[in-house]
């Protein structure tokens, strides 16, 4: 199992809208092959910061299966405009 970790810094004033769009985007990622589970947590100390944790069966399920899919384009359209700066995504085993 692989754990994808991303620290998401959301542009000022957009946190609530981000949370709403993330609910929609969650359905996309949950439908992907190799997806196991995910959590989005809001930071207590840093306003507008979240951590996204996604469990995948394999690294390829995320990096190839999800990121090269049409569904990723939908995910991207829903969420990527909220980030500043764009997050670094790391994987752990």
PDB file of N, CA and C in Angstrom:
ATOM      1  N   UNK A   1       0.844  -1.181   0.000  1.00  0.00           N
ATOM      2  CA  UNK A   1       0.000   0.000   0.000  1.00  0.00           C
ATOM      3  C   UNK A   1       0.887   1.240   0.000  1.00  0.00           C
ATOM      4  N   UNK A   2       0.445   2.260  -0.698  1.00  0.00           N
ATOM      5  CA  UNK A   2       1.151   3.538  -0.812  1.00  0.00           C
ATOM      6  C   UNK A   2       0.279   4.636  -0.210  1.00  0.00           C
ATOM      7  N   UNK A   3       0.915   5.532   0.533  1.00  0.00           N
ATOM      8  CA  UNK A   3       0.223   6.693   1.077  1.00  0.00           C
ATOM      9  C   UNK A   3       0.702   7.935   0.333  1.00  0.00           C
ATOM     10  N   UNK A   4      -0.216   8.574  -0.345  1.00  0.00           N
ATOM     11  CA  UNK A   4       0.049   9.862  -1.011  1.00  0.00           C
ATOM     12  C   UNK A   4      -0.218  10.963   0.005  1.00  0.00           C
ATOM     13  N   UNK A   5       0.721  11.909   0.126  1.00  0.00           N
ATOM     14  CA  UNK A   5       0.587  13.011   1.084  1.00  0.00           C
ATOM     15  C   UNK A   5       0.799  14.329   0.352  1.00  0.00           C
ATOM     16  N   UNK A   6      -0.173  15.243   0.512  1.00  0.00           N
ATOM     17  CA  UNK A   6      -0.062  16.569  -0.094  1.00  0.00           C
ATOM     18  C   UNK A   6      -0.505  17.616   0.922  1.00  0.00           C
ATOM     19  N   UNK A   7       0.326  18.628   1.121  1.00  0.00           N
ATOM     20  CA  UNK A   7      -0.050  19.787   1.924  1.00  0.00           C
ATOM     21  C   UNK A   7      -0.643  20.803   0.958  1.00  0.00           C
ATOM     22  N   UNK A   8      -1.896  21.176   1.214  1.00  0.00           N
ATOM     23  CA  UNK A   8      -2.623  22.063   0.316  1.00  0.00           C
ATOM     24  C   UNK A   8      -2.793  23.428   0.966  1.00  0.00           C
ATOM     25  N   UNK A   9      -2.196  24.440   0.376  1.00  0.00           N
ATOM     26  CA  UNK A   9      -2.370  25.819   0.820  1.00  0.00           C
ATOM     27  C   UNK A   9      -3.370  26.473  -0.118  1.00  0.00           C
ATOM     28  N   UNK A  10      -4.491  26.906   0.465  1.00  0.00           N
ATOM     29  CA  UNK A  10      -5.606  27.435  -0.306  1.00  0.00           C
ATOM     30  C   UNK A  10      -5.545  28.960  -0.307  1.00  0.00           C
ATOM     31  N   UNK A  11      -5.828  29.545  -1.452  1.00  0.00           N
ATOM     32  CA  UNK A  11      -5.823  31.006  -1.574  1.00  0.00           C
ATOM     33  C   UNK A  11      -6.797  31.626  -0.570  1.00  0.00           C
ATOM     34  N   UNK A  12      -6.417  32.791  -0.052  1.00  0.00           N
ATOM     35  CA  UNK A  12      -7.244  33.486   0.936  1.00  0.00           C
ATOM     36  C   UNK A  12      -8.671  33.667   0.457  1.00  0.00           C
ATOM     37  N   UNK A  13      -9.600  33.385   1.371  1.00  0.00           N
ATOM     38  CA  UNK A  13     -11.005  33.598   1.094  1.00  0.00           C
ATOM     39  C   UNK A  13     -11.694  32.492   0.326  1.00  0.00           C
ATOM     40  N   UNK A  14     -10.963  31.433  -0.024  1.00  0.00           N
ATOM     41  CA  UNK A  14     -11.543  30.380  -0.861  1.00  0.00           C
ATOM     42  C   UNK A  14     -11.688  29.033  -0.152  1.00  0.00           C
ATOM     43  N   UNK A  15     -11.421  28.977   1.136  1.00  0.00           N
ATOM     44  CA  UNK A  15     -11.429  27.699   1.855  1.00  0.00           C
ATOM     45  C   UNK A  15     -12.791  27.011   1.812  1.00  0.00           C
ATOM     46  N   UNK A  16     -13.853  27.735   2.045  1.00  0.00           N
ATOM     47  CA  UNK A  16     -15.190  27.126   2.048  1.00  0.00           C
ATOM     48  C   UNK A  16     -15.555  26.587   0.665  1.00  0.00           C
ATOM     49  N   UNK A  17     -15.267  27.369  -0.366  1.00  0.00           N
ATOM     50  CA  UNK A  17     -15.534  26.921  -1.733  1.00  0.00           C
ATOM     51  C   UNK A  17     -14.688  25.694  -2.067  1.00  0.00           C
ATOM     52  N   UNK A  18     -13.430  25.704  -1.627  1.00  0.00           N
ATOM     53  CA  UNK A  18     -12.555  24.547  -1.829  1.00  0.00           C
ATOM     54  C   UNK A  18     -13.169  23.297  -1.195  1.00  0.00           C
ATOM     55  N   UNK A  19     -13.639  23.420   0.042  1.00  0.00           N
ATOM     56  CA  UNK A  19     -14.218  22.275   0.730  1.00  0.00           C
ATOM     57  C   UNK A  19     -15.431  21.720  -0.025  1.00  0.00           C
ATOM     58  N   UNK A  20     -16.254  22.598  -0.557  1.00  0.00           N
ATOM     59  CA  UNK A  20     -17.414  22.150  -1.337  1.00  0.00           C
ATOM     60  C   UNK A  20     -16.986  21.424  -2.616  1.00  0.00           C
ATOM     61  N   UNK A  21     -16.023  21.999  -3.316  1.00  0.00           N
ATOM     62  CA  UNK A  21     -15.547  21.378  -4.559  1.00  0.00           C
ATOM     63  C   UNK A  21     -14.818  20.071  -4.259  1.00  0.00           C
ATOM     64  N   UNK A  22     -14.154  20.009  -3.113  1.00  0.00           N
ATOM     65  CA  UNK A  22     -13.448  18.773  -2.760  1.00  0.00           C
ATOM     66  C   UNK A  22     -14.434  17.628  -2.555  1.00  0.00           C
ATOM     67  N   UNK A  23     -15.598  17.927  -2.023  1.00  0.00           N
ATOM     68  CA  UNK A  23     -16.624  16.883  -1.869  1.00  0.00           C
ATOM     69  C   UNK A  23     -16.985  16.289  -3.228  1.00  0.00           C
ATOM     70  N   UNK A  24     -17.116  17.128  -4.223  1.00  0.00           N
ATOM     71  CA  UNK A  24     -17.389  16.645  -5.586  1.00  0.00           C
ATOM     72  C   UNK A  24     -16.205  15.849  -6.126  1.00  0.00           C
ATOM     73  N   UNK A  25     -15.014  16.370  -5.923  1.00  0.00           N
ATOM     74  CA  UNK A  25     -13.810  15.719  -6.428  1.00  0.00           C
ATOM     75  C   UNK A  25     -13.562  14.375  -5.743  1.00  0.00           C
ATOM     76  N   UNK A  26     -14.009  14.247  -4.507  1.00  0.00           N
ATOM     77  CA  UNK A  26     -13.823  12.992  -3.770  1.00  0.00           C
ATOM     78  C   UNK A  26     -14.473  11.821  -4.488  1.00  0.00           C
ATOM     79  N   UNK A  27     -15.594  12.071  -5.122  1.00  0.00           N
ATOM     80  CA  UNK A  27     -16.282  11.012  -5.865  1.00  0.00           C
ATOM     81  C   UNK A  27     -15.447  10.545  -7.053  1.00  0.00           C
ATOM     82  N   UNK A  28     -14.704  11.462  -7.627  1.00  0.00           N
ATOM     83  CA  UNK A  28     -13.850  11.124  -8.770  1.00  0.00           C
ATOM     84  C   UNK A  28     -12.731  10.199  -8.332  1.00  0.00           C
ATOM     85  N   UNK A  29     -11.987  10.616  -7.314  1.00  0.00           N
ATOM     86  CA  UNK A  29     -10.822   9.831  -6.902  1.00  0.00           C
ATOM     87  C   UNK A  29     -11.254   8.475  -6.344  1.00  0.00           C
ATOM     88  N   UNK A  30     -12.387   8.454  -5.641  1.00  0.00           N
ATOM     89  CA  UNK A  30     -12.859   7.199  -5.049  1.00  0.00           C
ATOM     90  C   UNK A  30     -13.266   6.171  -6.103  1.00  0.00           C
ATOM     91  N   UNK A  31     -13.501   6.616  -7.324  1.00  0.00           N
ATOM     92  CA  UNK A  31     -13.904   5.700  -8.389  1.00  0.00           C
ATOM     93  C   UNK A  31     -12.719   5.075  -9.129  1.00  0.00           C
ATOM     94  N   UNK A  32     -11.506   5.483  -8.782  1.00  0.00           N
ATOM     95  CA  UNK A  32     -10.332   5.031  -9.530  1.00  0.00           C
ATOM     96  C   UNK A  32      -9.864   3.645  -9.096  1.00  0.00           C
ATOM     97  N   UNK A  33      -9.362   2.893 -10.061  1.00  0.00           N
ATOM     98  CA  UNK A  33      -8.790   1.584  -9.755  1.00  0.00           C
ATOM     99  C   UNK A  33      -7.564   1.771  -8.860  1.00  0.00           C
ATOM    100  N   UNK A  34      -7.456   0.961  -7.846  1.00  0.00           N
ATOM    101  CA  UNK A  34      -6.327   1.033  -6.923  1.00  0.00           C
ATOM    102  C   UNK A  34      -6.533   1.966  -5.754  1.00  0.00           C
ATOM    103  N   UNK A  35      -7.592   2.756  -5.796  1.00  0.00           N
ATOM    104  CA  UNK A  35      -7.918   3.653  -4.686  1.00  0.00           C
ATOM    105  C   UNK A  35      -8.383   2.822  -3.494  1.00  0.00           C
ATOM    106  N   UNK A  36      -7.908   3.192  -2.297  1.00  0.00           N
ATOM    107  CA  UNK A  36      -8.341   2.511  -1.075  1.00  0.00           C
ATOM    108  C   UNK A  36      -9.160   3.459  -0.201  1.00  0.00           C
ATOM    109  N   UNK A  37      -8.595   4.628   0.123  1.00  0.00           N
ATOM    110  CA  UNK A  37      -9.294   5.579   0.987  1.00  0.00           C
ATOM    111  C   UNK A  37      -8.594   6.922   0.930  1.00  0.00           C
ATOM    112  N   UNK A  38      -9.275   7.946   1.465  1.00  0.00           N
ATOM    113  CA  UNK A  38      -8.627   9.252   1.574  1.00  0.00           C
ATOM    114  C   UNK A  38      -9.203  10.023   2.751  1.00  0.00           C
ATOM    115  N   UNK A  39      -8.420  11.004   3.200  1.00  0.00           N
ATOM    116  CA  UNK A  39      -8.836  11.932   4.248  1.00  0.00           C
ATOM    117  C   UNK A  39      -8.333  13.314   3.883  1.00  0.00           C
ATOM    118  N   UNK A  40      -9.153  14.310   4.150  1.00  0.00           N
ATOM    119  CA  UNK A  40      -8.756  15.707   4.031  1.00  0.00           C
ATOM    120  C   UNK A  40      -8.926  16.311   5.411  1.00  0.00           C
ATOM    121  N   UNK A  41      -7.854  16.878   5.951  1.00  0.00           N
ATOM    122  CA  UNK A  41      -7.876  17.467   7.286  1.00  0.00           C
ATOM    123  C   UNK A  41      -7.456  18.921   7.208  1.00  0.00           C
ATOM    124  N   UNK A  42      -8.186  19.772   7.940  1.00  0.00           N
ATOM    125  CA  UNK A  42      -7.879  21.210   7.998  1.00  0.00           C
ATOM    126  C   UNK A  42      -6.895  21.456   9.129  1.00  0.00           C
ATOM    127  N   UNK A  43      -5.879  22.241   8.861  1.00  0.00           N
ATOM    128  CA  UNK A  43      -4.869  22.567   9.860  1.00  0.00           C
ATOM    129  C   UNK A  43      -5.457  23.477  10.944  1.00  0.00           C
ATOM    130  N   UNK A  44      -5.086  23.215  12.173  1.00  0.00           N
ATOM    131  CA  UNK A  44      -5.543  24.017  13.309  1.00  0.00           C
ATOM    132  C   UNK A  44      -4.729  25.308  13.415  1.00  0.00           C
ATOM    133  N   UNK A  45      -3.419  25.209  13.197  1.00  0.00           N
ATOM    134  CA  UNK A  45      -2.542  26.359  13.403  1.00  0.00           C
ATOM    135  C   UNK A  45      -2.425  27.297  12.206  1.00  0.00           C
ATOM    136  N   UNK A  46      -2.536  26.753  10.999  1.00  0.00           N
ATOM    137  CA  UNK A  46      -2.308  27.570   9.800  1.00  0.00           C
ATOM    138  C   UNK A  46      -3.617  27.698   9.031  1.00  0.00           C
ATOM    139  N   UNK A  47      -4.136  28.905   8.997  1.00  0.00           N
ATOM    140  CA  UNK A  47      -5.383  29.165   8.282  1.00  0.00           C
ATOM    141  C   UNK A  47      -5.214  28.838   6.799  1.00  0.00           C
ATOM    142  N   UNK A  48      -6.227  28.254   6.221  1.00  0.00           N
ATOM    143  CA  UNK A  48      -6.262  27.917   4.789  1.00  0.00           C
ATOM    144  C   UNK A  48      -5.306  26.798   4.393  1.00  0.00           C
ATOM    145  N   UNK A  49      -4.845  26.000   5.364  1.00  0.00           N
ATOM    146  CA  UNK A  49      -3.981  24.871   5.008  1.00  0.00           C
ATOM    147  C   UNK A  49      -4.684  23.556   5.356  1.00  0.00           C
ATOM    148  N   UNK A  50      -4.526  22.585   4.461  1.00  0.00           N
ATOM    149  CA  UNK A  50      -5.110  21.259   4.615  1.00  0.00           C
ATOM    150  C   UNK A  50      -4.041  20.224   4.312  1.00  0.00           C
ATOM    151  N   UNK A  51      -4.266  19.013   4.799  1.00  0.00           N
ATOM    152  CA  UNK A  51      -3.438  17.882   4.382  1.00  0.00           C
ATOM    153  C   UNK A  51      -4.360  16.860   3.733  1.00  0.00           C
ATOM    154  N   UNK A  52      -3.922  16.351   2.604  1.00  0.00           N
ATOM    155  CA  UNK A  52      -4.655  15.314   1.890  1.00  0.00           C
ATOM    156  C   UNK A  52      -3.849  14.027   1.980  1.00  0.00           C
ATOM    157  N   UNK A  53      -4.500  12.986   2.472  1.00  0.00           N
ATOM    158  CA  UNK A  53      -3.889  11.660   2.598  1.00  0.00           C
ATOM    159  C   UNK A  53      -4.717  10.695   1.756  1.00  0.00           C
ATOM    160  N   UNK A  54      -4.072  10.040   0.802  1.00  0.00           N
ATOM    161  CA  UNK A  54      -4.776   9.089  -0.056  1.00  0.00           C
ATOM    162  C   UNK A  54      -4.017   7.771  -0.034  1.00  0.00           C
ATOM    163  N   UNK A  55      -4.725   6.706   0.279  1.00  0.00           N
ATOM    164  CA  UNK A  55      -4.138   5.361   0.233  1.00  0.00           C
ATOM    165  C   UNK A  55      -4.445   4.728  -1.123  1.00  0.00           C
ATOM    166  N   UNK A  56      -3.383   4.257  -1.766  1.00  0.00           N
ATOM    167  CA  UNK A  56      -3.472   3.576  -3.053  1.00  0.00           C
ATOM    168  C   UNK A  56      -2.890   2.170  -2.904  1.00  0.00           C
ATOM    169  N   UNK A  57      -3.330   1.265  -3.737  1.00  0.00           N
ATOM    170  CA  UNK A  57      -2.746  -0.080  -3.713  1.00  0.00           C
ATOM    171  C   UNK A  57      -1.287  -0.039  -4.169  1.00  0.00           C
ATOM    172  N   UNK A  58      -1.009   0.724  -5.237  1.00  0.00           N
ATOM    173  CA  UNK A  58       0.358   0.831  -5.754  1.00  0.00           C
ATOM    174  C   UNK A  58       0.650   2.281  -6.146  1.00  0.00           C
ATOM    175  N   UNK A  59       1.917   2.606  -6.272  1.00  0.00           N
ATOM    176  CA  UNK A  59       2.320   3.930  -6.742  1.00  0.00           C
ATOM    177  C   UNK A  59       1.796   4.169  -8.154  1.00  0.00           C
ATOM    178  N   UNK A  60       1.828   3.139  -8.986  1.00  0.00           N
ATOM    179  CA  UNK A  60       1.358   3.257 -10.368  1.00  0.00           C
ATOM    180  C   UNK A  60      -0.133   3.574 -10.445  1.00  0.00           C
ATOM    181  N   UNK A  61      -0.907   3.082  -9.483  1.00  0.00           N
ATOM    182  CA  UNK A  61      -2.337   3.399  -9.474  1.00  0.00           C
ATOM    183  C   UNK A  61      -2.560   4.904  -9.390  1.00  0.00           C
ATOM    184  N   UNK A  62      -1.695   5.591  -8.649  1.00  0.00           N
ATOM    185  CA  UNK A  62      -1.811   7.049  -8.546  1.00  0.00           C
ATOM    186  C   UNK A  62      -1.128   7.747  -9.716  1.00  0.00           C
ATOM    187  N   UNK A  63       0.138   7.455  -9.894  1.00  0.00           N
ATOM    188  CA  UNK A  63       0.960   8.192 -10.856  1.00  0.00           C
ATOM    189  C   UNK A  63       0.562   7.938 -12.312  1.00  0.00           C
ATOM    190  N   UNK A  64       0.152   6.739 -12.620  1.00  0.00           N
ATOM    191  CA  UNK A  64      -0.206   6.414 -14.010  1.00  0.00           C
ATOM    192  C   UNK A  64      -1.723   6.300 -14.150  1.00  0.00           C
ATOM    193  N   UNK A  65      -2.333   5.419 -13.355  1.00  0.00           N
ATOM    194  CA  UNK A  65      -3.765   5.180 -13.483  1.00  0.00           C
ATOM    195  C   UNK A  65      -4.616   6.416 -13.291  1.00  0.00           C
ATOM    196  N   UNK A  66      -4.343   7.179 -12.228  1.00  0.00           N
ATOM    197  CA  UNK A  66      -5.137   8.371 -11.961  1.00  0.00           C
ATOM    198  C   UNK A  66      -4.651   9.568 -12.764  1.00  0.00           C
ATOM    199  N   UNK A  67      -3.377   9.864 -12.669  1.00  0.00           N
ATOM    200  CA  UNK A  67      -2.874  11.104 -13.265  1.00  0.00           C
ATOM    201  C   UNK A  67      -2.906  11.149 -14.782  1.00  0.00           C
ATOM    202  N   UNK A  68      -3.012  10.020 -15.437  1.00  0.00           N
ATOM    203  CA  UNK A  68      -3.102  10.042 -16.908  1.00  0.00           C
ATOM    204  C   UNK A  68      -4.535   9.813 -17.394  1.00  0.00           C
ATOM    205  N   UNK A  69      -5.480   9.814 -16.463  1.00  0.00           N
ATOM    206  CA  UNK A  69      -6.869   9.529 -16.822  1.00  0.00           C
ATOM    207  C   UNK A  69      -7.658  10.791 -17.161  1.00  0.00           C
ATOM    208  N   UNK A  70      -8.765  10.594 -17.844  1.00  0.00           N
ATOM    209  CA  UNK A  70      -9.694  11.691 -18.106  1.00  0.00           C
ATOM    210  C   UNK A  70     -10.287  12.217 -16.801  1.00  0.00           C
ATOM    211  N   UNK A  71     -10.479  11.317 -15.842  1.00  0.00           N
ATOM    212  CA  UNK A  71     -11.040  11.727 -14.554  1.00  0.00           C
ATOM    213  C   UNK A  71     -10.099  12.690 -13.819  1.00  0.00           C
ATOM    214  N   UNK A  72      -8.790  12.526 -14.020  1.00  0.00           N
ATOM    215  CA  UNK A  72      -7.841  13.457 -13.404  1.00  0.00           C
ATOM    216  C   UNK A  72      -8.045  14.873 -13.958  1.00  0.00           C
ATOM    217  N   UNK A  73      -8.398  14.978 -15.220  1.00  0.00           N
ATOM    218  CA  UNK A  73      -8.648  16.292 -15.807  1.00  0.00           C
ATOM    219  C   UNK A  73      -9.843  16.963 -15.125  1.00  0.00           C
ATOM    220  N   UNK A  74     -10.844  16.173 -14.771  1.00  0.00           N
ATOM    221  CA  UNK A  74     -11.993  16.705 -14.034  1.00  0.00           C
ATOM    222  C   UNK A  74     -11.571  17.146 -12.625  1.00  0.00           C
ATOM    223  N   UNK A  75     -10.775  16.315 -11.953  1.00  0.00           N
ATOM    224  CA  UNK A  75     -10.230  16.625 -10.628  1.00  0.00           C
ATOM    225  C   UNK A  75      -9.450  17.934 -10.679  1.00  0.00           C
ATOM    226  N   UNK A  76      -8.594  18.024 -11.656  1.00  0.00           N
ATOM    227  CA  UNK A  76      -7.756  19.205 -11.855  1.00  0.00           C
ATOM    228  C   UNK A  76      -8.606  20.465 -12.053  1.00  0.00           C
ATOM    229  N   UNK A  77      -9.633  20.348 -12.877  1.00  0.00           N
ATOM    230  CA  UNK A  77     -10.506  21.492 -13.155  1.00  0.00           C
ATOM    231  C   UNK A  77     -11.253  21.940 -11.890  1.00  0.00           C
ATOM    232  N   UNK A  78     -11.642  20.999 -11.064  1.00  0.00           N
ATOM    233  CA  UNK A  78     -12.363  21.327  -9.832  1.00  0.00           C
ATOM    234  C   UNK A  78     -11.467  21.964  -8.769  1.00  0.00           C
ATOM    235  N   UNK A  79     -10.198  21.524  -8.677  1.00  0.00           N
ATOM    236  CA  UNK A  79      -9.396  21.863  -7.501  1.00  0.00           C
ATOM    237  C   UNK A  79      -8.135  22.687  -7.721  1.00  0.00           C
ATOM    238  N   UNK A  80      -7.473  22.535  -8.836  1.00  0.00           N
ATOM    239  CA  UNK A  80      -6.126  23.099  -8.950  1.00  0.00           C
ATOM    240  C   UNK A  80      -6.070  24.624  -8.858  1.00  0.00           C
ATOM    241  N   UNK A  81      -7.128  25.311  -9.200  1.00  0.00           N
ATOM    242  CA  UNK A  81      -7.098  26.779  -9.143  1.00  0.00           C
ATOM    243  C   UNK A  81      -7.154  27.325  -7.703  1.00  0.00           C
ATOM    244  N   UNK A  82      -7.391  26.461  -6.727  1.00  0.00           N
ATOM    245  CA  UNK A  82      -7.437  26.901  -5.326  1.00  0.00           C
ATOM    246  C   UNK A  82      -6.050  26.985  -4.687  1.00  0.00           C
ATOM    247  N   UNK A  83      -5.055  26.315  -5.239  1.00  0.00           N
ATOM    248  CA  UNK A  83      -3.760  26.149  -4.577  1.00  0.00           C
ATOM    249  C   UNK A  83      -2.803  27.307  -4.845  1.00  0.00           C
ATOM    250  N   UNK A  84      -2.131  27.732  -3.760  1.00  0.00           N
ATOM    251  CA  UNK A  84      -1.064  28.727  -3.893  1.00  0.00           C
ATOM    252  C   UNK A  84      -0.104  28.598  -2.726  1.00  0.00           C
ATOM    253  N   UNK A  85       1.079  28.044  -2.962  1.00  0.00           N
ATOM    254  CA  UNK A  85       1.620  27.534  -4.231  1.00  0.00           C
ATOM    255  C   UNK A  85       1.043  26.148  -4.536  1.00  0.00           C
ATOM    256  N   UNK A  86       1.372  25.657  -5.720  1.00  0.00           N
ATOM    257  CA  UNK A  86       0.924  24.324  -6.084  1.00  0.00           C
ATOM    258  C   UNK A  86       1.615  23.317  -5.164  1.00  0.00           C
ATOM    259  N   UNK A  87       0.879  22.335  -4.640  1.00  0.00           N
ATOM    260  CA  UNK A  87       1.462  21.436  -3.648  1.00  0.00           C
ATOM    261  C   UNK A  87       2.474  20.448  -4.215  1.00  0.00           C
ATOM    262  N   UNK A  88       3.417  20.095  -3.359  1.00  0.00           N
ATOM    263  CA  UNK A  88       4.309  18.985  -3.626  1.00  0.00           C
ATOM    264  C   UNK A  88       3.598  17.728  -3.121  1.00  0.00           C
ATOM    265  N   UNK A  89       3.589  16.703  -3.931  1.00  0.00           N
ATOM    266  CA  UNK A  89       2.952  15.434  -3.558  1.00  0.00           C
ATOM    267  C   UNK A  89       4.041  14.408  -3.380  1.00  0.00           C
ATOM    268  N   UNK A  90       4.039  13.754  -2.214  1.00  0.00           N
ATOM    269  CA  UNK A  90       5.014  12.720  -1.908  1.00  0.00           C
ATOM    270  C   UNK A  90       4.298  11.420  -1.593  1.00  0.00           C
ATOM    271  N   UNK A  91       5.030  10.319  -1.718  1.00  0.00           N
ATOM    272  CA  UNK A  91       4.454   8.994  -1.508  1.00  0.00           C
ATOM    273  C   UNK A  91       5.271   8.245  -0.447  1.00  0.00           C
ATOM    274  N   UNK A  92       4.566   7.518   0.408  1.00  0.00           N
ATOM    275  CA  UNK A  92       5.185   6.778   1.505  1.00  0.00           C
ATOM    276  C   UNK A  92       4.683   5.343   1.492  1.00  0.00           C
ATOM    277  N   UNK A  93       5.559   4.436   1.983  1.00  0.00           N
ATOM    278  CA  UNK A  93       5.146   3.033   2.073  1.00  0.00           C
ATOM    279  C   UNK A  93       5.265   2.525   3.489  1.00  0.00           C
TER     280      UNK A  93
END
